[in-house]
Protein backbone atom coordinates (compact mmCIF):
# COMPACT_ATOMS: atom_id res chain seq x y z
CA MET A 1 -13.34 -16.93 -9.66
CA ILE A 2 -15.17 -13.71 -8.78
CA ARG A 3 -18.04 -15.62 -7.16
CA PHE A 4 -15.51 -17.60 -5.14
CA TYR A 5 -13.96 -14.45 -3.62
CA LYS A 6 -17.35 -12.84 -3.11
CA SER A 7 -18.13 -15.73 -0.78
CA PRO A 8 -18.15 -14.72 2.91
CA GLN A 9 -16.55 -18.04 3.90
CA PRO A 10 -13.22 -17.41 5.74
CA VAL A 11 -11.70 -20.49 4.09
CA THR A 12 -11.45 -18.37 0.92
CA LEU A 13 -8.58 -16.43 2.48
CA PHE A 14 -6.39 -19.54 2.62
CA SER A 15 -5.97 -19.34 -1.16
CA ILE A 16 -4.33 -15.90 -0.95
CA PRO A 17 -0.96 -17.06 0.45
CA LEU A 18 -0.92 -19.83 -2.15
CA ILE A 19 -1.43 -17.33 -5.01
CA ILE A 20 1.34 -15.11 -3.66
CA LEU A 21 3.68 -18.05 -3.11
CA ILE A 22 3.22 -19.22 -6.71
CA LEU A 23 3.67 -15.74 -8.21
CA TRP A 24 6.71 -14.95 -6.04
CA ALA A 25 8.42 -18.33 -6.46
CA GLN A 26 10.79 -17.19 -9.22
CA ALA A 27 12.28 -14.53 -6.91
CA MET A 28 13.52 -16.95 -4.23
CA PRO A 29 17.14 -17.34 -5.53
CA SER A 30 17.78 -13.58 -5.39
CA MET A 31 15.77 -12.39 -2.40
CA ALA A 32 18.13 -9.91 -0.73
CA PRO A 33 17.24 -6.46 0.71
CA VAL A 34 17.24 -3.72 -1.93
CA VAL A 35 19.43 -0.74 -1.01
CA THR A 36 19.98 2.14 -3.44
CA THR A 37 21.58 5.57 -3.24
CA ASP A 38 18.11 7.00 -2.55
CA SER A 39 17.41 4.62 0.34
CA MET A 40 16.79 6.14 3.75
CA LEU A 41 19.51 5.74 6.34
CA LEU A 42 17.08 3.92 8.65
CA TRP A 43 16.23 1.41 5.90
CA LYS A 44 19.94 0.86 5.20
CA THR A 45 20.37 -0.01 8.88
CA VAL A 46 17.40 -2.38 8.88
CA ALA A 47 18.48 -3.97 5.58
CA GLY A 48 21.85 -4.72 7.12
CA TRP A 49 20.15 -6.99 9.64
CA PHE A 50 18.71 -9.16 6.85
CA ASN A 51 21.74 -9.24 4.56
CA GLY A 52 23.18 -12.13 6.54
CA TRP A 53 20.02 -14.20 6.16
CA PRO A 54 19.88 -16.88 3.43
CA ASN A 55 17.77 -16.01 0.38
CA TRP A 56 15.21 -18.72 1.12
CA LEU A 57 14.56 -17.28 4.58
CA ASN A 58 14.19 -13.74 3.22
CA PHE A 59 11.84 -15.18 0.60
CA LEU A 60 9.63 -16.79 3.25
CA LEU A 61 9.62 -13.54 5.19
CA MET A 62 8.48 -11.51 2.16
CA VAL A 63 5.83 -14.02 1.09
CA SER A 64 4.49 -14.05 4.66
CA LEU A 65 4.56 -10.24 4.82
CA VAL A 66 2.79 -9.71 1.50
CA SER A 67 0.22 -12.42 2.32
CA PHE A 68 -0.44 -10.81 5.69
CA ASN A 69 -0.81 -7.41 3.98
CA ALA A 70 -3.45 -8.82 1.62
CA ILE A 71 -5.44 -10.54 4.37
CA TYR A 72 -5.16 -7.61 6.79
CA LEU A 73 -6.28 -5.17 4.08
CA ASN A 74 -9.33 -7.35 3.47
CA LEU A 75 -10.16 -7.51 7.17
CA VAL A 76 -9.91 -3.70 7.41
CA CYS A 77 -12.24 -3.29 4.42
CA ASN A 78 -14.84 -5.62 5.95
CA LYS A 79 -14.47 -4.28 9.48
CA HIS A 80 -14.94 -0.62 8.52
CA GLU A 81 -17.40 -1.17 5.66
CA VAL A 82 -15.05 0.35 3.09
CA LEU A 83 -17.04 -1.56 0.47
CA TYR A 84 -20.79 -1.71 0.81
CA LYS A 85 -20.66 -5.46 1.37
CA ALA A 86 -18.20 -7.87 2.98
CA SER A 87 -16.20 -10.05 0.59
CA TYR A 88 -12.65 -11.32 0.04
CA LEU A 89 -12.13 -9.52 -3.26
CA PRO A 90 -9.75 -6.85 -1.84
CA ALA A 91 -7.28 -9.53 -0.73
CA PHE A 92 -7.47 -11.29 -4.10
CA VAL A 93 -6.98 -8.11 -6.13
CA PHE A 94 -4.14 -6.95 -3.86
CA ALA A 95 -2.39 -10.31 -4.33
CA LEU A 96 -2.56 -9.84 -8.11
CA PHE A 97 -1.46 -6.21 -8.09
CA ILE A 98 1.47 -6.67 -5.73
CA SER A 99 2.75 -9.64 -7.72
CA CYS A 100 2.05 -8.51 -11.28
CA ARG A 101 5.66 -7.83 -12.34
CA PRO A 102 9.06 -9.38 -11.50
CA GLU A 103 10.22 -5.92 -10.38
CA PHE A 104 7.69 -6.09 -7.53
CA LEU A 105 9.09 -9.39 -6.24
CA VAL A 106 11.89 -7.88 -4.19
CA PHE A 107 12.86 -7.30 -0.56
CA HIS A 108 11.94 -3.61 -0.65
CA PRO A 109 10.88 -1.12 2.04
CA ILE A 110 7.67 -0.40 0.14
CA HIS A 111 6.21 -3.74 1.27
CA PHE A 112 6.88 -2.87 4.92
CA VAL A 113 5.43 0.60 4.42
CA ASN A 114 2.29 -0.91 2.88
CA LEU A 115 1.77 -2.86 6.11
CA ILE A 116 2.16 0.34 8.12
CA PHE A 117 -0.36 2.13 5.89
CA ILE A 118 -2.93 -0.62 6.29
CA ARG A 119 -2.53 -0.33 10.06
CA VAL A 120 -2.87 3.46 9.77
CA PHE A 121 -6.12 3.06 7.85
CA ASP A 122 -7.40 0.58 10.44
CA LYS A 123 -6.71 3.09 13.23
CA SER A 124 -8.03 6.09 11.26
CA PHE A 125 -11.27 4.46 10.13
CA SER A 126 -12.02 3.47 13.71
CA LEU A 127 -12.48 7.20 14.45
CA LEU A 128 -15.94 6.95 12.90
CA LYS A 129 -17.11 4.44 15.51
CA SER A 130 -15.24 5.57 18.62
CA ASP A 131 -15.84 8.47 20.97
CA SER A 132 -12.34 8.08 22.44
CA SER A 133 -10.20 9.19 19.50
CA ILE A 134 -6.94 10.35 21.09
CA SER A 135 -5.16 6.99 21.00
CA SER A 136 -6.23 6.31 17.38
CA ILE A 137 -5.08 9.74 16.21
CA PHE A 138 -1.74 9.40 17.99
CA ASP A 139 -1.14 5.88 16.69
CA SER A 140 -2.06 6.84 13.11
CA CYS A 141 0.26 9.85 13.09
CA PHE A 142 3.10 8.00 14.82
CA LEU A 143 2.96 5.15 12.31
CA SER A 144 2.71 7.57 9.36
CA SER A 145 5.85 9.34 10.52
CA LEU A 146 7.63 6.00 11.01
CA ALA A 147 6.76 5.05 7.41
CA ALA A 148 8.29 8.32 6.18
CA LEU A 149 11.52 7.43 7.99
CA ILE A 150 11.74 4.06 6.26
CA TYR A 151 10.75 5.11 2.73
CA PHE A 152 10.95 8.79 1.77
CA PRO A 153 7.94 9.00 -0.64
CA ALA A 154 5.80 7.82 2.29
CA ILE A 155 6.11 11.42 3.56
CA VAL A 156 2.97 12.09 1.48
CA ILE A 157 0.91 10.22 4.06
CA LEU A 158 1.35 13.11 6.51
CA PRO A 159 -0.88 15.61 4.62
CA VAL A 160 -3.19 12.71 3.74
CA MET A 161 -3.58 11.97 7.44
CA ILE A 162 -4.39 15.60 8.26
CA ILE A 163 -7.06 15.81 5.54
CA SER A 164 -8.41 12.33 6.25
CA ILE A 165 -8.87 12.82 9.98
CA SER A 166 -10.57 16.13 9.22
CA ILE A 167 -12.96 14.27 6.91
CA LEU A 168 -13.64 11.49 9.39
CA ARG A 169 -14.31 13.71 12.42
CA SER A 170 -14.40 17.27 13.71
CA MET A 171 -11.15 17.75 15.59
CA ASN A 172 -10.55 20.00 18.57
CA PHE A 173 -7.36 21.80 19.60
CA ARG A 174 -6.28 18.99 21.91
CA GLU A 175 -6.47 16.44 19.12
CA TRP A 176 -4.43 18.65 16.79
CA ILE A 177 -1.69 18.78 19.44
CA ILE A 178 -1.81 14.98 19.79
CA MET A 179 -1.48 14.67 16.00
CA LEU A 180 1.57 16.95 15.98
CA ILE A 181 3.23 15.01 18.81
CA GLY A 182 2.56 11.74 16.98
CA PHE A 183 4.29 13.08 13.86
CA ILE A 184 7.33 14.39 15.73
CA LEU A 185 8.11 11.53 18.13
CA PRO A 186 9.52 9.00 15.60
CA PHE A 187 11.92 11.64 14.26
CA PHE A 188 12.88 12.49 17.83
CA PHE A 189 13.56 8.87 18.80
CA VAL A 190 15.52 8.15 15.60
CA SER A 191 17.56 11.32 16.08
CA ILE A 192 18.54 10.18 19.59
CA TRP A 193 19.41 6.72 18.29
CA MET A 194 21.54 8.19 15.49
CA PHE A 195 23.16 10.61 17.94
CA MET A 196 24.24 7.69 20.13
CA LYS A 197 25.72 6.06 17.01
CA LYS A 198 27.34 9.40 16.09
CA SER A 199 25.36 9.46 12.85
CA ALA A 200 22.76 12.15 13.63
CA GLU A 201 24.31 14.71 11.27
CA GLU A 202 24.54 12.14 8.46
CA PHE A 203 20.91 11.12 9.03
CA TRP A 204 19.50 14.65 8.83
CA THR A 205 21.74 15.62 5.93
CA ASN A 206 20.56 12.54 4.05
CA TYR A 207 16.92 13.25 4.85
CA ILE A 208 17.01 16.93 3.91
CA ASP A 209 18.85 16.12 0.67
CA HIS A 210 15.81 14.13 -0.44
CA TYR A 211 13.88 17.41 -0.50
CA LYS A 212 16.63 19.33 -2.28
CA ASN A 213 17.48 16.89 -5.05
CA ILE A 214 14.15 15.90 -6.51
CA HIS A 215 14.68 15.65 -10.27
CA PRO A 216 12.59 12.60 -11.23
CA GLN A 217 13.43 10.64 -14.36
CA PHE A 218 11.69 7.52 -15.61
CA ASP A 219 13.81 4.38 -15.41
CA LEU A 220 11.46 1.93 -17.11
CA GLU A 221 11.95 -0.69 -19.79
CA ILE A 222 8.59 -0.77 -21.51
CA GLY A 223 7.97 -3.89 -23.58
CA LYS A 224 4.76 -5.24 -25.07
CA PRO A 225 3.84 -7.43 -22.05
CA LEU A 226 4.21 -4.46 -19.70
CA MET A 227 2.21 -2.20 -22.02
CA VAL A 228 -0.65 -4.72 -22.21
CA LEU A 229 -0.63 -5.17 -18.43
CA ALA A 230 -0.59 -1.40 -17.86
CA VAL A 231 -3.53 -0.90 -20.22
CA LEU A 232 -5.57 -3.66 -18.57
CA LEU A 233 -4.90 -2.49 -15.00
CA GLY A 234 -5.35 1.16 -15.98
CA PHE A 235 -8.69 0.38 -17.65
CA TRP A 236 -9.79 -1.64 -14.62
CA LEU A 237 -8.91 1.19 -12.25
CA LEU A 238 -10.56 3.82 -14.45
CA ILE A 239 -13.91 2.05 -14.72
CA SER A 240 -13.73 1.36 -10.98
CA VAL A 241 -13.37 5.08 -10.22
CA PHE A 242 -16.33 5.88 -12.48
CA ARG A 243 -18.40 3.16 -10.82
CA LEU A 244 -17.52 4.53 -7.38
CA ARG A 245 -18.55 7.99 -8.52
CA SER A 246 -21.89 6.81 -9.94
CA ASN A 247 -22.73 4.82 -6.79
CA TYR A 248 -21.30 7.33 -4.33
CA TYR A 249 -24.58 8.66 -2.93
CA LYS A 250 -26.09 5.17 -2.74
CA ASN A 251 -23.68 4.31 0.09
CA ILE A 252 -24.17 5.18 3.74
CA ILE A 253 -22.37 8.25 5.09
CA ARG A 254 -19.70 6.23 6.92
CA THR A 255 -18.80 4.31 3.75
CA ARG A 256 -18.71 7.52 1.69
CA SER A 257 -16.29 9.14 4.14
CA VAL A 258 -13.94 6.17 4.08
CA GLN A 259 -14.07 5.99 0.28
CA GLN A 260 -13.09 9.67 0.08
CA VAL A 261 -9.96 8.84 2.08
CA VAL A 262 -9.13 5.88 -0.19
CA PHE A 263 -9.51 7.98 -3.34
CA LEU A 264 -7.40 10.77 -1.84
CA PHE A 265 -4.69 8.24 -0.99
CA LEU A 266 -4.76 6.96 -4.59
CA LEU A 267 -4.12 10.45 -5.96
CA VAL A 268 -1.39 11.25 -3.46
CA SER A 269 0.25 7.83 -3.94
CA PHE A 270 0.52 8.52 -7.66
CA GLY A 271 2.07 11.91 -6.91
CA SER A 272 4.60 10.27 -4.59
CA LEU A 273 6.19 8.57 -7.61
CA PHE A 274 7.76 11.90 -8.47
CA LEU A 275 9.60 12.14 -5.13
CA GLN A 276 12.35 9.83 -6.40
CA GLN A 277 15.38 10.58 -8.53
CA LYS A 278 14.57 7.63 -10.78
CA ILE A 279 11.01 6.40 -11.14
CA ALA A 280 11.39 2.62 -11.24
CA LEU A 281 8.57 0.13 -11.66
CA ILE A 282 8.73 -1.05 -8.04
CA TYR A 283 7.50 2.35 -6.86
CA PHE A 284 4.12 1.67 -8.50
CA ALA A 285 3.57 -0.95 -5.79
CA PHE A 286 2.75 2.06 -3.62
CA LEU A 287 -0.59 2.22 -5.48
CA ALA A 288 -1.54 -1.36 -4.61
CA ILE A 289 -3.63 -0.57 -1.52
CA PRO A 290 -6.02 2.08 -2.91
CA ALA A 291 -6.12 0.50 -6.39
CA SER A 292 -7.02 -2.91 -4.92
CA ILE A 293 -9.87 -1.46 -2.87
CA LEU A 294 -11.33 0.46 -5.81
CA CYS A 295 -11.03 -2.42 -8.28
CA ALA A 296 -12.52 -4.84 -5.76
CA TYR A 297 -15.43 -2.43 -5.37
CA TYR A 298 -16.11 -2.65 -9.11
CA LEU A 299 -16.08 -6.45 -9.10
CA LEU A 300 -18.40 -6.48 -6.11
CA SER A 301 -20.86 -3.91 -7.47
CA GLU A 302 -21.15 -5.26 -11.02
CA LYS A 303 -24.14 -7.61 -11.24
CA LYS A 304 -24.98 -7.69 -14.94
CA ARG A 305 -21.74 -8.50 -16.79
CA ILE A 306 -20.46 -11.30 -14.57
CA LYS A 307 -19.28 -13.47 -17.45
CA PHE A 308 -17.42 -10.55 -18.99
CA LEU A 309 -15.73 -9.81 -15.66
CA GLU A 310 -14.72 -13.45 -15.22
CA ILE A 311 -13.10 -13.45 -18.66
CA PHE A 312 -11.47 -10.07 -17.99
CA VAL A 313 -9.96 -11.21 -14.68
CA TRP A 314 -8.61 -14.38 -16.27
CA ILE A 315 -7.05 -12.27 -19.05
CA VAL A 316 -5.38 -10.13 -16.36
CA VAL A 317 -4.07 -13.26 -14.62
CA ALA A 318 -2.75 -14.64 -17.93
CA THR A 319 -1.06 -11.30 -18.69
CA ILE A 320 0.59 -11.32 -15.26
CA VAL A 321 1.97 -14.81 -15.93
CA VAL A 322 3.31 -13.68 -19.32
CA ASN A 323 4.96 -10.67 -17.66
CA HIS A 324 6.70 -12.96 -15.20
CA PHE A 325 8.37 -14.87 -18.02
CA SER A 326 8.91 -12.09 -20.55
């Protein structure tokens, strides 16, 4: 399996939608937009558009979205040399991570935000190869702010963007102003839209309350299948981080800079879990992008224990299947 996704043949990517379709199939009868008391007002508005859709159509939309996320993430990794070598492992690992539990198989804003973040990374990483950076900085900051309007914990991407762009290039005063404008404009446009709907006060009250009422509590039902899956994925991620650290100076400077950003996003994504009133399992899907990249790096860089890795990956796949039916 690992050799198959290490192959540079584009036909390999056609298996990714099939994997996601199979793992998401059980969710088709109940695929309706998730709206909770903590949901952003903008997401509640967007979710209302899809509530009238039949479940099967929402299901096709989500499978297409998640499949596109996996493939796009892989293309970004190969395009910007996030890993030291091109492969299709990031898409494969992302497909497993984002489908590993029934709680992830929902019509949730986090899947839309993941798409925005992948696009943000695509724009941000291009700063290393482009002399004309203004449009990339503006687009990255605008999209980051838009993500924060859809899903509140995505607000953490704003400081990540500031640090990341500082890592990727030396910014001048003009670029800092462009960054600030990019952050502000989505809030400005949404405020005007809400004002026209006579909901501006409700929108800002709702948004500010997210900052005031942060008292996170875990809302998890931890059974044996989930514990085994958590241990396996946690172990995989841990050894991947150590492998990245040991190989860090073997990579070219551009790859090292991008990997710093990915690792920073992993840490901040984990911290974002505590920006919710109740920490549910679906919020861990926020870690799928950085975790997939790091774990794919380990699979790609390991050359001695291939048989062990093949067995390990198959054990992870089997555990995911068990979790789907537990």
